[in-house]
Structures are given as C-alpha cells and as structure tokens.
Amino acid sequence: MEPWLWALVGLLTLALFILLIKLYLLRKSARELQEAFAERLTTDTNTLIDISSGDSRMRALARDMNLQLRKLRAQRHRFVQGDLELKEAITNISHDLRTPLTAICGYLDLLRQEEKSATAARYLAVIEDRTETLKQLTEELFRYSIVTSTVGDTPREEVVLNHALEESLSGYYAALKGCHITPSISMPEEPVVRLLNKNALARIFGNILSNAIKYSDGDLGITLTGDGAITFSNHASTLNDVQVARLFDRYYTVETAQNSTGLGLSIARVLTEQMGGSITADYRDGILSIRLEFP
C-alpha cells in the first residue's frame, strides 16, 4: 500500500477516535444534566446545575436550565406562600364566623319558644335550616384548613379496619336509612390490621359515606379485602366521567350536591396520603367506585 494511503487511513482513524471521545464526553454531559435536573426538581435547594464538560454548547445548555430553574423556584415559592395565606385566611374567616353563628342560633332557640303564626313558623324553619347548613359549611372549611396545615407525621396506632369500618357505618346508620340505602357489606372474618390514625380514618370513612349519600341512586356496596383495600361503590346516574375525575379537587362541587363546599373528598385524599395510603375514584356503567388502599 502506498505511503499516502497509510497516512490517510491513519488520519481517518485518528479522526474517528477523536469523534468517539467527543461523543462519549457529550453523552456524559447529557447524563450529568439529566441527573442534576431531576435532583433539583425533587429537592428544595438553591444549588445550580454544574457539569464537568468544557464544551461551550453543553455549558450554555446548563446555564439555560439554571435560568429556568430559578424561574421555577420563584413560581413555586409564590404558589406555596399563596397557598399558606389562603389556608390562613380560610381558618380566620371560618373561626370568625363561629361567634355570630352561635349568637344567631341562640336567638333562634329563643324565637322558637315564642308564639307565632303558621307563616312565621314556616319562615323560622327555613332560617334554622339555612343557619345549620352555614354552620356545617363553616366547620368543613375550618377542618380542611387544619388538615392541610398539619406538619409532620400523623400519630398512628394499630387499627383494625374491620372494626373501624363497622363503627363508621353505625354512625351513619340513620342518614343511610333516611335515604333508603341498605349497605351491602363484604369483609373477611380475620382482622385486617394497619398502623393508622384512628380519628383520621374515621374522618375518611365519614366523608366517603357522606359522598355516597349525596350521589347514590339507593344502593351502596362496601368491600374490605385482606390486603387493606376498601371499595365503596354505588349507582350514581347524576354523575359523569368528567365530574368523577374532579371529585377530589378542592372546592369542586357537582351541581346536584347541595350544602357542600366540595372539600369532603379532598380532605379524605389529604388524610389518606398523610398515612401512606391512596384513594381513587372510578366511574363505569353508571357505578361510582371509590377505592382506598392501605398497603
């Protein structure tokens, strides 16, 4: 082979080797950027992204990513601050409403004892009903602000899900009977024990049962399995897929749900996740199913 061909082969080999090294360094830089960006998104830190590569384009990309991270942190801070201010405002407003509501209820009790015409009695009954509804909504707002402001782990103890579910059903027996709903219950004979907060669990069950009373067509099926999964299902012809997808959203209410702030299932989700569980809603063939899982 001619010497110049050897030289050409050598140059091509050298060029290929340099390109391979360059490609390796670029892949390494891309991996560093990917890992650093993922870490910054999941941690609350002001540390910016830095890479070992000296390539001008990769370092420019790192600078652009740092710029976007700064904007993202600023937006996150505003969101968190605004959320805290909203929760504080809700807590203060709901607390301030308690005093005048208590006074109104006291005077309504006194007025009930006075002689009055049939028309006045009918008006009074409407006022009492609306006042009681306002009290319930105020309490629900207050409870939500307290639940979502909880910092740290929720105190836990061993809870038998079978017994907790039975207690909640007993507490809602009158309300279910008033809506002509006879629950169909299925649970294992052996106790299903989980490390949970008993009061929080009772609140979750209560909010789900209240939801069933609002939307049920007259039936309610409750199933507890040995793996800690609890399913509440009922026919709900007034709902659709879009509404069910938003049941856990804060302040979302279905038009047919009167006297509701739309916080019941949102509170249930917050409490469930605080205890390491999950809650989902599904709507198929006109049947609403809310599933709780405590692994």
Protein backbone atom coordinates (compact mmCIF):
# COMPACT_ATOMS: atom_id res chain seq x y z
CA MET A 1 0.00 0.00 0.00
CA GLU A 2 1.18 3.46 -0.87
CA PRO A 3 2.51 5.57 1.99
CA TRP A 4 -0.07 8.29 1.38
CA LEU A 5 -2.85 5.70 1.78
CA TRP A 6 -1.36 4.68 5.10
CA ALA A 7 -1.30 8.30 6.10
CA LEU A 8 -4.91 8.75 5.03
CA VAL A 9 -6.02 5.67 6.98
CA GLY A 10 -4.11 6.93 10.00
CA LEU A 11 -5.76 10.35 9.78
CA LEU A 12 -9.22 8.82 9.40
CA THR A 13 -8.58 6.51 12.34
CA LEU A 14 -7.40 9.43 14.45
CA ALA A 15 -10.43 11.49 13.42
CA LEU A 16 -12.75 8.61 14.27
CA PHE A 17 -11.07 8.18 17.64
CA ILE A 18 -11.44 11.89 18.39
CA LEU A 19 -15.10 11.82 17.37
CA LEU A 20 -15.74 8.82 19.60
CA ILE A 21 -14.14 10.61 22.55
CA LYS A 22 -16.18 13.72 21.76
CA LEU A 23 -19.37 11.66 21.57
CA TYR A 24 -18.55 9.97 24.87
CA LEU A 25 -17.98 13.33 26.56
CA LEU A 26 -21.22 14.74 25.15
CA ARG A 27 -23.19 11.70 26.36
CA LYS A 28 -21.57 12.06 29.77
CA SER A 29 -22.52 15.73 29.93
CA ALA A 30 -26.08 14.97 28.86
CA ARG A 31 -26.33 12.33 31.58
CA GLU A 32 -24.97 14.77 34.17
CA LEU A 33 -27.52 17.37 33.09
CA GLN A 34 -30.35 14.85 33.25
CA GLU A 35 -29.43 13.61 36.72
CA ALA A 36 -28.76 17.10 38.07
CA PHE A 37 -32.02 18.49 36.68
CA ALA A 38 -34.06 15.60 38.12
CA GLU A 39 -32.40 16.10 41.51
CA ARG A 40 -33.10 19.85 41.54
CA LEU A 41 -36.76 19.25 40.72
CA THR A 42 -37.27 16.84 43.62
CA THR A 43 -35.30 18.71 46.29
CA ASP A 44 -35.69 22.18 47.73
CA THR A 45 -32.22 23.56 47.09
CA ASN A 46 -30.70 26.67 45.57
CA THR A 47 -27.71 24.76 44.21
CA LEU A 48 -27.41 25.26 40.47
CA ILE A 49 -26.51 22.70 37.83
CA ASP A 50 -22.83 22.30 37.03
CA ILE A 51 -21.17 19.86 34.63
CA SER A 52 -17.64 18.65 34.15
CA SER A 53 -17.66 19.21 30.39
CA GLY A 54 -15.83 22.14 28.90
CA ASP A 55 -17.94 22.09 25.73
CA SER A 56 -19.33 25.60 25.19
CA ARG A 57 -22.69 24.40 23.89
CA MET A 58 -23.29 22.00 26.79
CA ARG A 59 -22.32 24.67 29.31
CA ALA A 60 -24.67 27.11 27.58
CA LEU A 61 -27.43 24.50 27.90
CA ALA A 62 -26.63 24.16 31.61
CA ARG A 63 -26.90 27.95 32.02
CA ASP A 64 -30.29 27.99 30.27
CA MET A 65 -31.52 25.16 32.51
CA ASN A 66 -30.33 27.05 35.60
CA LEU A 67 -32.24 30.12 34.41
CA GLN A 68 -35.43 28.08 34.06
CA LEU A 69 -34.83 26.51 37.48
CA ARG A 70 -34.60 29.97 39.06
CA LYS A 71 -37.92 30.94 37.48
CA LEU A 72 -39.48 27.66 38.58
CA ARG A 73 -38.29 28.14 42.17
CA ALA A 74 -39.68 31.67 42.24
CA GLN A 75 -43.05 30.48 40.95
CA ARG A 76 -43.08 27.59 43.42
CA HIS A 77 -42.30 29.97 46.28
CA ARG A 78 -45.16 32.27 45.25
CA PHE A 79 -47.51 29.29 44.99
CA VAL A 80 -46.56 27.91 48.40
CA GLN A 81 -46.80 31.34 50.00
CA GLY A 82 -50.16 32.00 48.37
CA ASP A 83 -51.45 28.59 49.44
CA LEU A 84 -50.40 29.23 53.04
CA GLU A 85 -52.03 32.66 53.01
CA LEU A 86 -55.23 31.17 51.58
CA LYS A 87 -55.33 28.47 54.27
CA GLU A 88 -54.72 31.06 56.97
CA ALA A 89 -57.48 33.27 55.57
CA ILE A 90 -59.91 30.34 55.47
CA THR A 91 -59.03 29.43 59.06
CA ASN A 92 -59.54 33.01 60.24
CA ILE A 93 -62.78 33.52 58.31
CA SER A 94 -64.31 30.23 59.45
CA HIS A 95 -63.24 30.95 63.02
CA ASP A 96 -64.68 34.49 62.92
CA LEU A 97 -67.99 33.18 61.57
CA ARG A 98 -68.46 30.89 64.55
CA THR A 99 -69.22 33.68 67.03
CA PRO A 100 -72.08 35.35 65.12
CA LEU A 101 -73.45 31.96 64.09
CA THR A 102 -73.56 30.87 67.73
CA ALA A 103 -75.43 34.07 68.62
CA ILE A 104 -77.88 33.58 65.74
CA CYS A 105 -78.58 30.00 66.82
CA GLY A 106 -79.17 31.20 70.40
CA TYR A 107 -81.71 33.80 69.32
CA LEU A 108 -83.37 31.30 67.02
CA ASP A 109 -83.82 28.97 70.01
CA LEU A 110 -85.44 31.83 71.93
CA LEU A 111 -87.63 32.75 68.99
CA ARG A 112 -88.78 29.15 68.68
CA GLN A 113 -90.28 29.37 72.17
CA GLU A 114 -92.38 32.45 71.31
CA GLU A 115 -95.91 32.36 69.98
CA LYS A 116 -96.02 32.89 66.23
CA SER A 117 -98.26 32.45 63.26
CA ALA A 118 -98.04 29.49 60.92
CA THR A 119 -96.34 31.65 58.31
CA ALA A 120 -93.77 32.94 60.82
CA ALA A 121 -93.13 29.36 61.98
CA ARG A 122 -92.52 28.29 58.39
CA TYR A 123 -90.12 31.16 57.81
CA LEU A 124 -88.34 30.34 61.06
CA ALA A 125 -87.89 26.71 60.00
CA VAL A 126 -86.26 27.86 56.75
CA ILE A 127 -83.93 30.21 58.61
CA GLU A 128 -82.97 27.45 61.06
CA ASP A 129 -82.26 25.05 58.20
CA ARG A 130 -80.08 27.56 56.33
CA THR A 131 -78.28 28.52 59.53
CA GLU A 132 -77.47 24.87 60.28
CA THR A 133 -76.20 24.44 56.73
CA LEU A 134 -73.97 27.51 57.13
CA LYS A 135 -72.60 26.07 60.38
CA GLN A 136 -71.75 22.79 58.67
CA LEU A 137 -70.04 24.51 55.75
CA THR A 138 -68.05 26.74 58.09
CA GLU A 139 -66.90 23.73 60.11
CA GLU A 140 -65.91 21.91 56.92
CA LEU A 141 -63.78 24.86 55.78
CA PHE A 142 -62.16 25.06 59.20
CA ARG A 143 -61.39 21.32 59.28
CA TYR A 144 -59.89 21.45 55.80
CA SER A 145 -57.55 24.31 56.69
CA ILE A 146 -56.44 22.44 59.82
CA VAL A 147 -55.91 19.13 58.00
CA THR A 148 -53.88 20.62 55.16
CA SER A 149 -51.77 22.68 57.56
CA THR A 150 -50.66 19.63 59.54
CA VAL A 151 -46.89 19.34 59.56
CA GLY A 152 -45.05 16.09 60.28
CA ASP A 153 -46.27 12.56 60.58
CA THR A 154 -49.80 11.84 61.75
CA PRO A 155 -49.76 9.94 65.09
CA ARG A 156 -50.54 6.29 64.40
CA GLU A 157 -51.63 3.18 66.23
CA GLU A 158 -52.73 -0.32 65.31
CA VAL A 159 -56.23 -0.09 63.85
CA VAL A 160 -58.47 -3.00 62.86
CA LEU A 161 -60.03 -1.86 59.59
CA ASN A 162 -62.98 -4.21 60.06
CA HIS A 163 -63.96 -2.58 63.35
CA ALA A 164 -63.28 0.97 62.18
CA LEU A 165 -65.49 0.44 59.13
CA GLU A 166 -68.29 -1.04 61.25
CA GLU A 167 -68.14 1.92 63.66
CA SER A 168 -68.39 4.43 60.83
CA LEU A 169 -71.34 2.59 59.30
CA SER A 170 -73.09 2.56 62.67
CA GLY A 171 -72.61 6.31 62.96
CA TYR A 172 -74.20 6.85 59.55
CA TYR A 173 -76.98 4.31 60.01
CA ALA A 174 -79.71 6.92 60.48
CA ALA A 175 -78.57 9.01 57.50
CA LEU A 176 -78.39 5.94 55.25
CA LYS A 177 -81.77 4.71 56.42
CA GLY A 178 -83.24 8.16 55.81
CA CYS A 179 -82.13 7.89 52.18
CA HIS A 180 -83.48 4.31 51.96
CA ILE A 181 -79.96 2.93 51.48
CA THR A 182 -79.18 -0.51 52.89
CA PRO A 183 -75.43 -1.15 52.54
CA SER A 184 -74.19 -4.46 51.21
CA ILE A 185 -71.04 -5.24 53.19
CA SER A 186 -68.34 -7.81 52.49
CA MET A 187 -65.28 -8.19 54.67
CA PRO A 188 -63.04 -11.04 55.82
CA GLU A 189 -63.57 -12.70 59.20
CA GLU A 190 -59.92 -12.30 60.18
CA PRO A 191 -58.94 -8.80 61.34
CA VAL A 192 -57.15 -6.55 58.87
CA VAL A 193 -54.72 -4.51 60.97
CA ARG A 194 -52.89 -1.40 59.80
CA LEU A 195 -50.80 1.27 61.51
CA LEU A 196 -53.03 4.32 61.04
CA ASN A 197 -54.52 7.31 62.81
CA LYS A 198 -57.93 6.16 64.04
CA ASN A 199 -59.53 9.61 64.05
CA ALA A 200 -58.25 10.41 60.58
CA LEU A 201 -59.53 7.06 59.29
CA ALA A 202 -62.97 7.74 60.77
CA ARG A 203 -62.99 11.12 59.03
CA ILE A 204 -62.08 9.47 55.71
CA PHE A 205 -64.83 6.87 56.03
CA GLY A 206 -67.33 9.53 57.08
CA ASN A 207 -66.58 11.79 54.14
CA ILE A 208 -66.85 8.89 51.68
CA LEU A 209 -70.16 7.77 53.19
CA SER A 210 -71.46 11.36 53.04
CA ASN A 211 -70.50 11.40 49.38
CA ALA A 212 -72.38 8.15 48.80
CA ILE A 213 -75.48 9.60 50.45
CA LYS A 214 -75.33 12.62 48.12
CA TYR A 215 -74.93 10.72 44.85
CA SER A 216 -76.28 7.20 45.38
CA ASP A 217 -79.34 6.06 43.47
CA GLY A 218 -80.32 3.99 46.51
CA ASP A 219 -77.61 1.35 46.82
CA LEU A 220 -74.20 1.09 48.44
CA GLY A 221 -71.71 -1.75 48.33
CA ILE A 222 -68.71 -1.85 50.67
CA THR A 223 -65.90 -4.37 50.30
CA LEU A 224 -62.86 -4.84 52.53
CA THR A 225 -60.14 -7.26 51.43
CA GLY A 226 -57.31 -8.83 53.38
CA ASP A 227 -54.71 -6.68 51.62
CA GLY A 228 -56.14 -3.49 53.11
CA ALA A 229 -58.20 -2.33 50.12
CA ILE A 230 -61.65 -0.86 50.79
CA THR A 231 -64.08 -0.15 47.97
CA PHE A 232 -67.29 1.90 48.24
CA SER A 233 -69.49 1.55 45.15
CA ASN A 234 -72.97 2.75 44.24
CA HIS A 235 -75.04 3.60 41.20
CA ALA A 236 -74.82 7.36 40.55
CA SER A 237 -76.83 8.32 37.48
CA THR A 238 -76.41 12.05 38.16
CA LEU A 239 -72.63 11.88 37.61
CA ASN A 240 -70.43 11.56 34.55
CA ASP A 241 -66.77 10.76 33.84
CA VAL A 242 -65.69 14.42 33.92
CA GLN A 243 -67.33 15.09 37.28
CA VAL A 244 -65.90 11.92 38.84
CA ALA A 245 -62.40 12.87 37.64
CA ARG A 246 -62.71 16.10 39.66
CA LEU A 247 -64.30 14.74 42.85
CA PHE A 248 -61.02 15.11 44.78
CA ASP A 249 -60.40 18.69 43.62
CA ARG A 250 -60.60 21.41 46.25
CA TYR A 251 -63.91 23.35 46.26
CA TYR A 252 -65.29 21.38 43.32
CA THR A 253 -68.99 20.62 43.72
CA VAL A 254 -71.39 18.82 41.45
CA GLU A 255 -74.49 20.87 40.69
CA THR A 256 -76.73 18.27 42.30
CA ALA A 257 -74.73 18.35 45.57
CA GLN A 258 -76.40 20.94 47.78
CA ASN A 259 -74.98 22.22 51.06
CA SER A 260 -71.46 21.24 50.07
CA THR A 261 -68.16 23.07 49.87
CA GLY A 262 -66.56 20.37 47.74
CA LEU A 263 -63.97 19.66 50.43
CA GLY A 264 -65.13 16.29 51.78
CA LEU A 265 -63.28 14.02 49.38
CA SER A 266 -60.38 16.46 49.16
CA ILE A 267 -59.94 16.13 52.93
CA ALA A 268 -60.20 12.34 52.57
CA ARG A 269 -57.41 12.36 49.99
CA VAL A 270 -55.11 14.54 52.12
CA LEU A 271 -55.61 12.35 55.20
CA THR A 272 -55.18 9.13 53.22
CA GLU A 273 -51.92 10.28 51.67
CA GLN A 274 -50.63 11.54 55.03
CA MET A 275 -50.95 7.96 56.28
CA GLY A 276 -49.19 6.47 53.26
CA GLY A 277 -52.35 5.23 51.54
CA SER A 278 -54.02 6.03 48.23
CA ILE A 279 -57.56 6.91 47.19
CA THR A 280 -59.00 6.79 43.68
CA ALA A 281 -62.39 7.17 42.01
CA ASP A 282 -63.70 5.24 39.02
CA TYR A 283 -66.95 5.51 37.06
CA ARG A 284 -68.11 2.67 34.85
CA ASP A 285 -71.56 1.72 33.61
CA GLY A 286 -73.14 4.30 35.89
CA ILE A 287 -71.42 2.94 39.01
CA LEU A 288 -69.18 5.19 41.11
CA SER A 289 -66.40 3.31 42.93
CA ILE A 290 -64.12 4.95 45.47
CA ARG A 291 -61.19 2.75 46.43
CA LEU A 292 -58.96 3.15 49.47
CA GLU A 293 -55.70 1.26 49.78
CA PHE A 294 -53.52 0.98 52.86
CA PRO A 295 -50.58 -1.27 51.95
